[in-house]
Amino acid sequence: MQTQALPTVHLDKGGWHWPARDPHFRGRPAARPASLPQPALPPQSAERAAGLRCRPVLVRRARLAALAVGGFLLPWIVVLGAVLPATAQAQHWALAWTGLDGAEAAAALVTALLLSRGDRRAGLSAAAGGTLLLVDAWFDVCTSAPGAEQAMALAEAAFAEIPLAIAAWWLAIALTKERPIALTKENR
C-alpha cells in the first residue's frame, strides 16, 4: 500500500487549516494580483478566523476560571509560607531533578524539530521550555546549600538558565507575530 504525505498545517487570513480535518483545504493558493477579488471563506473557515471572538461564553468562563485560580493562590502562598518547614527530606530527589531536566530537553528538542519543519507551533514548546528553565533556576538557587554550591547555582542561573529562558520566550513571541516560516536551503 502506498501512502501519501499530508501537507503541513497552513495559516492564512481564514485561520489554521488542518488538511486531514478541513474538506475545503486545497493547499496554498497561488498568489493573486491585488486587483482580483479574494474568494469568500467557507463558513467553517470564517468561524475559525473569528477565533475566540465567536465564543464569548467560553472567553468569559476562562477569564472567571483564571481569576478564581489566581484569587485562590494568593492567600494560599501566605498559608504555605507560614506552615511549611524550613527544611524537608525528599524521597525522590534525584527523580524530581532528572524529570525537570528531561522536560527541558524535550521542550528544546521539540522546538528544534518544529523549527526545522517551519512550524509556528515551535513557539508553544519554546514558551514551555523557557518557563521550565526559569523554574529550574529558581529551585537550583532556593535549594542549594550556602557557600560554593549556592554561588554555582547563582552563576548557572545568571549565565545559562535565565538568558536561555529569555531567548526561548523571545522566540515564542516572535513566532506568534510572524507569518508562517519560509524554509530555504540557507536557513534549514
C-alpha atoms as a PDB file:
ATOM      1  CA  MET A   1       0.000   0.000   0.000  1.00  0.00           C
ATOM      2  CA  GLN A   2       1.372   3.380  -0.978  1.00  0.00           C
ATOM      3  CA  THR A   3       0.917   6.297   1.403  1.00  0.00           C
ATOM      4  CA  GLN A   4       0.966   9.963   0.630  1.00  0.00           C
ATOM      5  CA  ALA A   5       2.331  12.624   2.981  1.00  0.00           C
ATOM      6  CA  LEU A   6      -0.116  15.293   4.029  1.00  0.00           C
ATOM      7  CA  PRO A   7       0.851  18.942   3.673  1.00  0.00           C
ATOM      8  CA  THR A   8       1.763  20.775   6.849  1.00  0.00           C
ATOM      9  CA  VAL A   9      -0.662  22.879   8.817  1.00  0.00           C
ATOM     10  CA  HIS A  10      -1.395  26.138   6.995  1.00  0.00           C
ATOM     11  CA  LEU A  11      -2.240  29.540   8.487  1.00  0.00           C
ATOM     12  CA  ASP A  12      -3.811  32.279   6.410  1.00  0.00           C
ATOM     13  CA  LYS A  13      -6.421  35.006   6.852  1.00  0.00           C
ATOM     14  CA  GLY A  14      -9.029  32.308   7.385  1.00  0.00           C
ATOM     15  CA  GLY A  15      -7.191  30.780  10.345  1.00  0.00           C
ATOM     16  CA  TRP A  16      -5.404  27.454  10.757  1.00  0.00           C
ATOM     17  CA  HIS A  17      -6.164  24.769   8.210  1.00  0.00           C
ATOM     18  CA  TRP A  18      -5.686  21.156   9.200  1.00  0.00           C
ATOM     19  CA  PRO A  19      -5.667  19.229   5.912  1.00  0.00           C
ATOM     20  CA  ALA A  20      -6.929  15.989   7.450  1.00  0.00           C
ATOM     21  CA  ARG A  21      -9.953  17.725   9.003  1.00  0.00           C
ATOM     22  CA  ASP A  22     -10.746  20.556   6.589  1.00  0.00           C
ATOM     23  CA  PRO A  23     -12.625  19.423   3.452  1.00  0.00           C
ATOM     24  CA  HIS A  24     -12.120  22.884   1.922  1.00  0.00           C
ATOM     25  CA  PHE A  25      -8.325  22.722   2.170  1.00  0.00           C
ATOM     26  CA  ARG A  26      -6.635  22.522  -1.217  1.00  0.00           C
ATOM     27  CA  GLY A  27      -3.156  23.646  -0.231  1.00  0.00           C
ATOM     28  CA  ARG A  28      -1.755  27.105  -0.553  1.00  0.00           C
ATOM     29  CA  PRO A  29      -3.352  29.040  -3.446  1.00  0.00           C
ATOM     30  CA  ALA A  30      -1.168  30.740  -5.993  1.00  0.00           C
ATOM     31  CA  ALA A  31      -0.529  34.414  -5.313  1.00  0.00           C
ATOM     32  CA  ARG A  32      -3.274  36.605  -6.766  1.00  0.00           C
ATOM     33  CA  PRO A  33      -2.830  40.106  -8.036  1.00  0.00           C
ATOM     34  CA  ALA A  34      -4.246  42.675  -5.620  1.00  0.00           C
ATOM     35  CA  SER A  35      -6.831  43.747  -8.214  1.00  0.00           C
ATOM     36  CA  LEU A  36      -8.583  40.355  -8.269  1.00  0.00           C
ATOM     37  CA  PRO A  37     -11.260  39.809  -5.619  1.00  0.00           C
ATOM     38  CA  GLN A  38     -10.464  37.254  -2.951  1.00  0.00           C
ATOM     39  CA  PRO A  39     -12.865  34.300  -2.743  1.00  0.00           C
ATOM     40  CA  ALA A  40     -15.268  34.197   0.179  1.00  0.00           C
ATOM     41  CA  LEU A  41     -14.246  31.927   3.006  1.00  0.00           C
ATOM     42  CA  PRO A  42     -16.350  28.826   3.673  1.00  0.00           C
ATOM     43  CA  PRO A  43     -18.429  29.069   6.883  1.00  0.00           C
ATOM     44  CA  GLN A  44     -16.026  26.852   8.850  1.00  0.00           C
ATOM     45  CA  SER A  45     -13.026  28.983   7.908  1.00  0.00           C
ATOM     46  CA  ALA A  46     -14.883  32.208   8.672  1.00  0.00           C
ATOM     47  CA  GLU A  47     -15.699  30.844  12.133  1.00  0.00           C
ATOM     48  CA  ARG A  48     -12.063  29.894  12.669  1.00  0.00           C
ATOM     49  CA  ALA A  49     -10.943  33.349  11.564  1.00  0.00           C
ATOM     50  CA  ALA A  50     -13.091  34.892  14.280  1.00  0.00           C
ATOM     51  CA  GLY A  51     -11.258  32.733  16.860  1.00  0.00           C
ATOM     52  CA  LEU A  52     -12.446  33.224  20.425  1.00  0.00           C
ATOM     53  CA  ARG A  53     -14.491  36.260  19.439  1.00  0.00           C
ATOM     54  CA  CYS A  54     -17.186  33.914  18.144  1.00  0.00           C
ATOM     55  CA  ARG A  55     -17.449  32.221  21.560  1.00  0.00           C
ATOM     56  CA  PRO A  56     -17.811  34.956  24.186  1.00  0.00           C
ATOM     57  CA  VAL A  57     -19.224  32.478  26.717  1.00  0.00           C
ATOM     58  CA  LEU A  58     -16.013  30.437  26.608  1.00  0.00           C
ATOM     59  CA  VAL A  59     -13.882  33.545  26.972  1.00  0.00           C
ATOM     60  CA  ARG A  60     -15.966  34.720  29.923  1.00  0.00           C
ATOM     61  CA  ARG A  61     -15.761  31.299  31.617  1.00  0.00           C
ATOM     62  CA  ALA A  62     -11.999  31.029  31.011  1.00  0.00           C
ATOM     63  CA  ARG A  63     -11.497  34.526  32.435  1.00  0.00           C
ATOM     64  CA  LEU A  64     -13.540  33.629  35.539  1.00  0.00           C
ATOM     65  CA  ALA A  65     -11.626  30.374  35.996  1.00  0.00           C
ATOM     66  CA  ALA A  66      -8.281  32.186  35.724  1.00  0.00           C
ATOM     67  CA  LEU A  67      -9.486  34.823  38.190  1.00  0.00           C
ATOM     68  CA  ALA A  68     -10.655  32.120  40.626  1.00  0.00           C
ATOM     69  CA  VAL A  69      -7.345  30.237  40.435  1.00  0.00           C
ATOM     70  CA  GLY A  70      -5.303  33.428  40.895  1.00  0.00           C
ATOM     71  CA  GLY A  71      -7.588  34.587  43.713  1.00  0.00           C
ATOM     72  CA  PHE A  72      -7.188  31.244  45.497  1.00  0.00           C
ATOM     73  CA  LEU A  73      -3.411  31.027  45.043  1.00  0.00           C
ATOM     74  CA  LEU A  74      -2.579  34.445  46.511  1.00  0.00           C
ATOM     75  CA  PRO A  75      -3.793  33.659  50.056  1.00  0.00           C
ATOM     76  CA  TRP A  76      -2.541  30.062  49.669  1.00  0.00           C
ATOM     77  CA  ILE A  77       1.004  31.411  49.196  1.00  0.00           C
ATOM     78  CA  VAL A  78       0.729  33.180  52.559  1.00  0.00           C
ATOM     79  CA  VAL A  79      -0.536  29.992  54.242  1.00  0.00           C
ATOM     80  CA  LEU A  80       2.297  27.912  52.761  1.00  0.00           C
ATOM     81  CA  GLY A  81       4.886  30.477  53.814  1.00  0.00           C
ATOM     82  CA  ALA A  82       3.603  30.264  57.386  1.00  0.00           C
ATOM     83  CA  VAL A  83       3.173  26.488  57.763  1.00  0.00           C
ATOM     84  CA  LEU A  84       5.855  24.832  55.645  1.00  0.00           C
ATOM     85  CA  PRO A  85       9.016  23.732  57.476  1.00  0.00           C
ATOM     86  CA  ALA A  86      12.323  25.422  56.630  1.00  0.00           C
ATOM     87  CA  THR A  87      13.825  22.095  55.562  1.00  0.00           C
ATOM     88  CA  ALA A  88      12.444  18.827  54.279  1.00  0.00           C
ATOM     89  CA  GLN A  89      13.814  15.495  53.138  1.00  0.00           C
ATOM     90  CA  ALA A  90      12.628  14.290  49.734  1.00  0.00           C
ATOM     91  CA  GLN A  91      12.357  10.576  48.976  1.00  0.00           C
ATOM     92  CA  HIS A  92      12.660  11.036  45.197  1.00  0.00           C
ATOM     93  CA  TRP A  93      15.091  13.964  44.951  1.00  0.00           C
ATOM     94  CA  ALA A  94      17.039  12.561  42.001  1.00  0.00           C
ATOM     95  CA  LEU A  95      13.844  11.671  40.138  1.00  0.00           C
ATOM     96  CA  ALA A  96      12.478  15.200  40.597  1.00  0.00           C
ATOM     97  CA  TRP A  97      15.610  16.841  39.157  1.00  0.00           C
ATOM     98  CA  THR A  98      16.103  14.373  36.309  1.00  0.00           C
ATOM     99  CA  GLY A  99      12.429  14.720  35.425  1.00  0.00           C
ATOM    100  CA  LEU A 100      12.723  18.522  35.285  1.00  0.00           C
ATOM    101  CA  ASP A 101      15.875  18.381  33.157  1.00  0.00           C
ATOM    102  CA  GLY A 102      14.251  15.755  30.923  1.00  0.00           C
ATOM    103  CA  ALA A 103      11.263  18.050  30.376  1.00  0.00           C
ATOM    104  CA  GLU A 104      13.636  20.910  29.485  1.00  0.00           C
ATOM    105  CA  ALA A 105      15.438  18.673  26.992  1.00  0.00           C
ATOM    106  CA  ALA A 106      12.148  17.504  25.471  1.00  0.00           C
ATOM    107  CA  ALA A 107      10.933  21.092  25.057  1.00  0.00           C
ATOM    108  CA  ALA A 108      14.206  22.107  23.380  1.00  0.00           C
ATOM    109  CA  LEU A 109      14.203  19.102  21.036  1.00  0.00           C
ATOM    110  CA  VAL A 110      10.538  19.567  20.074  1.00  0.00           C
ATOM    111  CA  THR A 111      11.229  23.246  19.411  1.00  0.00           C
ATOM    112  CA  ALA A 112      14.178  22.340  17.173  1.00  0.00           C
ATOM    113  CA  LEU A 113      12.123  19.724  15.319  1.00  0.00           C
ATOM    114  CA  LEU A 114       9.203  22.077  14.729  1.00  0.00           C
ATOM    115  CA  LEU A 115      11.528  24.885  13.625  1.00  0.00           C
ATOM    116  CA  SER A 116      13.215  22.545  11.148  1.00  0.00           C
ATOM    117  CA  ARG A 117       9.790  21.900   9.648  1.00  0.00           C
ATOM    118  CA  GLY A 118       8.915  25.593   9.560  1.00  0.00           C
ATOM    119  CA  ASP A 119       6.050  25.063  12.014  1.00  0.00           C
ATOM    120  CA  ARG A 120       4.987  28.099  14.060  1.00  0.00           C
ATOM    121  CA  ARG A 121       3.826  25.821  16.855  1.00  0.00           C
ATOM    122  CA  ALA A 122       7.501  25.792  17.858  1.00  0.00           C
ATOM    123  CA  GLY A 123       6.542  28.876  19.861  1.00  0.00           C
ATOM    124  CA  LEU A 124       4.475  26.712  22.193  1.00  0.00           C
ATOM    125  CA  SER A 125       7.336  24.376  23.069  1.00  0.00           C
ATOM    126  CA  ALA A 126       9.741  27.333  23.253  1.00  0.00           C
ATOM    127  CA  ALA A 127       7.479  29.068  25.787  1.00  0.00           C
ATOM    128  CA  ALA A 128       7.200  25.860  27.813  1.00  0.00           C
ATOM    129  CA  GLY A 129      10.971  25.372  27.673  1.00  0.00           C
ATOM    130  CA  GLY A 130      11.634  28.938  28.791  1.00  0.00           C
ATOM    131  CA  THR A 131       9.289  28.504  31.714  1.00  0.00           C
ATOM    132  CA  LEU A 132      10.920  25.204  32.696  1.00  0.00           C
ATOM    133  CA  LEU A 133      14.364  26.852  32.582  1.00  0.00           C
ATOM    134  CA  LEU A 134      13.179  29.611  34.915  1.00  0.00           C
ATOM    135  CA  VAL A 135      11.674  27.046  37.300  1.00  0.00           C
ATOM    136  CA  ASP A 136      14.976  25.133  37.212  1.00  0.00           C
ATOM    137  CA  ALA A 137      16.921  28.299  38.044  1.00  0.00           C
ATOM    138  CA  TRP A 138      14.551  29.165  40.884  1.00  0.00           C
ATOM    139  CA  PHE A 139      14.755  25.767  42.543  1.00  0.00           C
ATOM    140  CA  ASP A 140      18.518  25.449  41.960  1.00  0.00           C
ATOM    141  CA  VAL A 141      19.094  28.696  43.830  1.00  0.00           C
ATOM    142  CA  CYS A 142      16.466  28.089  46.542  1.00  0.00           C
ATOM    143  CA  THR A 143      17.557  24.516  47.337  1.00  0.00           C
ATOM    144  CA  SER A 144      21.337  24.939  47.165  1.00  0.00           C
ATOM    145  CA  ALA A 145      23.453  24.871  50.298  1.00  0.00           C
ATOM    146  CA  PRO A 146      25.139  28.129  51.343  1.00  0.00           C
ATOM    147  CA  GLY A 147      28.663  28.676  50.064  1.00  0.00           C
ATOM    148  CA  ALA A 148      30.177  27.312  46.874  1.00  0.00           C
ATOM    149  CA  GLU A 149      27.064  25.344  45.938  1.00  0.00           C
ATOM    150  CA  GLN A 150      24.859  28.431  46.111  1.00  0.00           C
ATOM    151  CA  ALA A 151      27.428  30.522  44.204  1.00  0.00           C
ATOM    152  CA  MET A 152      27.445  27.872  41.463  1.00  0.00           C
ATOM    153  CA  ALA A 153      23.645  27.839  41.339  1.00  0.00           C
ATOM    154  CA  LEU A 154      23.531  31.640  41.087  1.00  0.00           C
ATOM    155  CA  ALA A 155      26.138  31.670  38.310  1.00  0.00           C
ATOM    156  CA  GLU A 156      24.305  28.924  36.392  1.00  0.00           C
ATOM    157  CA  ALA A 157      21.034  30.821  36.721  1.00  0.00           C
ATOM    158  CA  ALA A 158      22.529  34.178  35.718  1.00  0.00           C
ATOM    159  CA  PHE A 159      24.672  32.999  32.804  1.00  0.00           C
ATOM    160  CA  ALA A 160      22.798  29.989  31.429  1.00  0.00           C
ATOM    161  CA  GLU A 161      19.228  29.331  32.539  1.00  0.00           C
ATOM    162  CA  ILE A 162      17.772  32.856  32.663  1.00  0.00           C
ATOM    163  CA  PRO A 163      19.352  34.006  29.349  1.00  0.00           C
ATOM    164  CA  LEU A 164      18.161  30.802  27.656  1.00  0.00           C
ATOM    165  CA  ALA A 165      14.675  31.321  29.116  1.00  0.00           C
ATOM    166  CA  ILE A 166      14.592  34.887  27.778  1.00  0.00           C
ATOM    167  CA  ALA A 167      15.727  33.670  24.343  1.00  0.00           C
ATOM    168  CA  ALA A 168      13.047  30.967  24.331  1.00  0.00           C
ATOM    169  CA  TRP A 169      10.320  33.463  25.260  1.00  0.00           C
ATOM    170  CA  TRP A 170      11.595  35.891  22.620  1.00  0.00           C
ATOM    171  CA  LEU A 171      11.309  33.101  20.039  1.00  0.00           C
ATOM    172  CA  ALA A 172       7.800  32.225  21.214  1.00  0.00           C
ATOM    173  CA  ILE A 173       6.665  35.857  20.971  1.00  0.00           C
ATOM    174  CA  ALA A 174       8.331  36.321  17.585  1.00  0.00           C
ATOM    175  CA  LEU A 175       6.636  33.206  16.207  1.00  0.00           C
ATOM    176  CA  THR A 176       3.201  34.392  17.306  1.00  0.00           C
ATOM    177  CA  LYS A 177       3.686  37.697  15.473  1.00  0.00           C
ATOM    178  CA  GLU A 178       5.239  36.422  12.246  1.00  0.00           C
ATOM    179  CA  ARG A 179       3.783  34.865   9.145  1.00  0.00           C
ATOM    180  CA  PRO A 180       4.475  31.173   8.535  1.00  0.00           C
ATOM    181  CA  ILE A 181       8.174  30.408   8.410  1.00  0.00           C
ATOM    182  CA  ALA A 182       9.519  30.027   4.874  1.00  0.00           C
ATOM    183  CA  LEU A 183      12.269  27.445   4.841  1.00  0.00           C
ATOM    184  CA  THR A 184      15.065  27.869   2.360  1.00  0.00           C
ATOM    185  CA  LYS A 185      18.291  25.937   1.920  1.00  0.00           C
ATOM    186  CA  GLU A 186      20.139  28.686   3.790  1.00  0.00           C
ATOM    187  CA  ASN A 187      18.045  28.552   6.991  1.00  0.00           C
ATOM    188  CA  ARG A 188      17.437  24.802   7.287  1.00  0.00           C
END
